[in-house]
Amino acid sequence: MKEESSVSRLQIMSVMGLSKQRNYLLTQYLQAIQLPRGFGGDLVFEFQVSQGRVRHLVLDEQASSLKEQTVMELIRRSLLAWLPEESRSNR
């Protein structure tokens, strides 16, 4: 019997309006989230970053294939709490 490594990782497929540095920081931040095992799919979020904080976060339910509410909420809360290191140093 083959044992599967079922570590769930988040991946950013497309981003607009973030610098390469902030995109990298966001990717690192999201990949550190401890996700429940056994889910898969796509989540499409649209959000604005203003003064280094995520604002106006919207889940595009029609473009998203993942319907697991607990995972969607975990990622949503994590995005709202995200503050890139470069923003922290500018305070």
C-alpha atoms as a PDB file:
ATOM      1  CA  MET A   1       0.000   0.000   0.000  1.00  0.00           C
ATOM      2  CA  LYS A   2       1.440   3.326  -1.057  1.00  0.00           C
ATOM      3  CA  GLU A   3       1.258   6.096   1.532  1.00  0.00           C
ATOM      4  CA  GLU A   4       0.323   9.454   0.084  1.00  0.00           C
ATOM      5  CA  SER A   5       1.741  12.716   1.272  1.00  0.00           C
ATOM      6  CA  SER A   6      -1.458  14.727   1.349  1.00  0.00           C
ATOM      7  CA  VAL A   7      -0.116  18.059   2.474  1.00  0.00           C
ATOM      8  CA  SER A   8      -2.428  20.756   1.209  1.00  0.00           C
ATOM      9  CA  ARG A   9      -0.641  23.842  -0.053  1.00  0.00           C
ATOM     10  CA  LEU A  10      -2.008  27.084  -1.308  1.00  0.00           C
ATOM     11  CA  GLN A  11      -0.766  28.437  -4.585  1.00  0.00           C
ATOM     12  CA  ILE A  12      -1.405  31.803  -6.164  1.00  0.00           C
ATOM     13  CA  MET A  13      -2.306  31.303  -9.806  1.00  0.00           C
ATOM     14  CA  SER A  14      -2.753  34.910 -10.816  1.00  0.00           C
ATOM     15  CA  VAL A  15      -2.289  38.270  -9.172  1.00  0.00           C
ATOM     16  CA  MET A  16      -2.690  41.797 -10.459  1.00  0.00           C
ATOM     17  CA  GLY A  17      -1.552  45.027  -8.876  1.00  0.00           C
ATOM     18  CA  LEU A  18       0.956  43.655  -6.360  1.00  0.00           C
ATOM     19  CA  SER A  19       4.687  44.167  -6.649  1.00  0.00           C
ATOM     20  CA  LYS A  20       6.805  41.048  -7.126  1.00  0.00           C
ATOM     21  CA  GLN A  21       7.984  41.424  -3.525  1.00  0.00           C
ATOM     22  CA  ARG A  22       4.449  41.607  -2.116  1.00  0.00           C
ATOM     23  CA  ASN A  23       3.335  38.720  -4.328  1.00  0.00           C
ATOM     24  CA  TYR A  24       6.214  36.666  -2.918  1.00  0.00           C
ATOM     25  CA  LEU A  25       5.348  37.661   0.658  1.00  0.00           C
ATOM     26  CA  LEU A  26       1.692  36.779   0.119  1.00  0.00           C
ATOM     27  CA  THR A  27       2.623  33.394  -1.351  1.00  0.00           C
ATOM     28  CA  GLN A  28       4.892  32.611   1.618  1.00  0.00           C
ATOM     29  CA  TYR A  29       2.209  33.720   4.069  1.00  0.00           C
ATOM     30  CA  LEU A  30      -0.540  31.618   2.480  1.00  0.00           C
ATOM     31  CA  GLN A  31       1.646  28.519   2.213  1.00  0.00           C
ATOM     32  CA  ALA A  32       2.280  28.671   5.966  1.00  0.00           C
ATOM     33  CA  ILE A  33      -1.439  28.277   6.760  1.00  0.00           C
ATOM     34  CA  GLN A  34      -2.246  24.905   8.317  1.00  0.00           C
ATOM     35  CA  LEU A  35      -5.039  23.561   6.141  1.00  0.00           C
ATOM     36  CA  PRO A  36      -7.226  20.552   6.856  1.00  0.00           C
ATOM     37  CA  ARG A  37      -6.374  17.451   4.831  1.00  0.00           C
ATOM     38  CA  GLY A  38      -8.461  15.966   2.112  1.00  0.00           C
ATOM     39  CA  PHE A  39      -9.737  18.899   0.146  1.00  0.00           C
ATOM     40  CA  GLY A  40      -8.869  20.205  -3.264  1.00  0.00           C
ATOM     41  CA  GLY A  41     -10.052  22.796  -5.686  1.00  0.00           C
ATOM     42  CA  ASP A  42      -9.782  26.412  -6.628  1.00  0.00           C
ATOM     43  CA  LEU A  43     -10.764  29.491  -4.684  1.00  0.00           C
ATOM     44  CA  VAL A  44     -10.910  32.793  -6.490  1.00  0.00           C
ATOM     45  CA  PHE A  45     -10.714  35.897  -4.346  1.00  0.00           C
ATOM     46  CA  GLU A  46     -10.720  39.480  -5.469  1.00  0.00           C
ATOM     47  CA  PHE A  47      -9.381  42.044  -3.066  1.00  0.00           C
ATOM     48  CA  GLN A  48      -7.746  45.418  -2.876  1.00  0.00           C
ATOM     49  CA  VAL A  49      -4.642  46.276  -0.909  1.00  0.00           C
ATOM     50  CA  SER A  50      -4.654  49.750   0.609  1.00  0.00           C
ATOM     51  CA  GLN A  51      -1.971  51.089   2.931  1.00  0.00           C
ATOM     52  CA  GLY A  52      -0.488  47.602   3.158  1.00  0.00           C
ATOM     53  CA  ARG A  53      -3.738  45.934   4.277  1.00  0.00           C
ATOM     54  CA  VAL A  54      -6.236  43.780   2.427  1.00  0.00           C
ATOM     55  CA  ARG A  55      -9.485  45.655   1.948  1.00  0.00           C
ATOM     56  CA  HIS A  56     -12.743  44.756   0.240  1.00  0.00           C
ATOM     57  CA  LEU A  57     -12.251  40.966   0.044  1.00  0.00           C
ATOM     58  CA  VAL A  58     -14.758  39.114  -2.168  1.00  0.00           C
ATOM     59  CA  LEU A  59     -14.954  35.401  -2.963  1.00  0.00           C
ATOM     60  CA  ASP A  60     -15.933  34.688  -6.565  1.00  0.00           C
ATOM     61  CA  GLU A  61     -18.162  31.679  -5.938  1.00  0.00           C
ATOM     62  CA  GLN A  62     -18.856  31.000  -9.609  1.00  0.00           C
ATOM     63  CA  ALA A  63     -15.152  30.837 -10.499  1.00  0.00           C
ATOM     64  CA  SER A  64     -14.318  28.774  -7.391  1.00  0.00           C
ATOM     65  CA  SER A  65     -14.608  24.989  -7.374  1.00  0.00           C
ATOM     66  CA  LEU A  66     -13.878  24.476  -3.667  1.00  0.00           C
ATOM     67  CA  LYS A  67     -17.044  24.618  -1.589  1.00  0.00           C
ATOM     68  CA  GLU A  68     -15.656  23.615   1.837  1.00  0.00           C
ATOM     69  CA  GLN A  69     -16.898  26.442   4.064  1.00  0.00           C
ATOM     70  CA  THR A  70     -14.322  25.970   6.842  1.00  0.00           C
ATOM     71  CA  VAL A  71     -11.410  26.187   4.395  1.00  0.00           C
ATOM     72  CA  MET A  72     -12.874  29.219   2.640  1.00  0.00           C
ATOM     73  CA  GLU A  73     -13.330  30.992   5.983  1.00  0.00           C
ATOM     74  CA  LEU A  74      -9.802  30.107   7.145  1.00  0.00           C
ATOM     75  CA  ILE A  75      -8.275  31.551   3.998  1.00  0.00           C
ATOM     76  CA  ARG A  76     -10.548  34.613   4.066  1.00  0.00           C
ATOM     77  CA  ARG A  77      -9.573  35.412   7.679  1.00  0.00           C
ATOM     78  CA  SER A  78      -5.908  34.863   6.851  1.00  0.00           C
ATOM     79  CA  LEU A  79      -6.060  37.244   3.895  1.00  0.00           C
ATOM     80  CA  LEU A  80      -7.714  39.921   6.008  1.00  0.00           C
ATOM     81  CA  ALA A  81      -4.987  39.550   8.652  1.00  0.00           C
ATOM     82  CA  TRP A  82      -2.113  39.646   6.154  1.00  0.00           C
ATOM     83  CA  LEU A  83       0.342  42.478   6.653  1.00  0.00           C
ATOM     84  CA  PRO A  84       3.491  42.261   4.527  1.00  0.00           C
ATOM     85  CA  GLU A  85       6.811  42.746   6.288  1.00  0.00           C
ATOM     86  CA  GLU A  86       7.573  45.809   4.153  1.00  0.00           C
ATOM     87  CA  SER A  87       4.352  47.429   5.396  1.00  0.00           C
ATOM     88  CA  ARG A  88       5.244  46.736   9.016  1.00  0.00           C
ATOM     89  CA  SER A  89       8.602  48.437   8.639  1.00  0.00           C
ATOM     90  CA  ASN A  90       6.941  51.552   7.180  1.00  0.00           C
ATOM     91  CA  ARG A  91       4.858  52.175  10.305  1.00  0.00           C
END
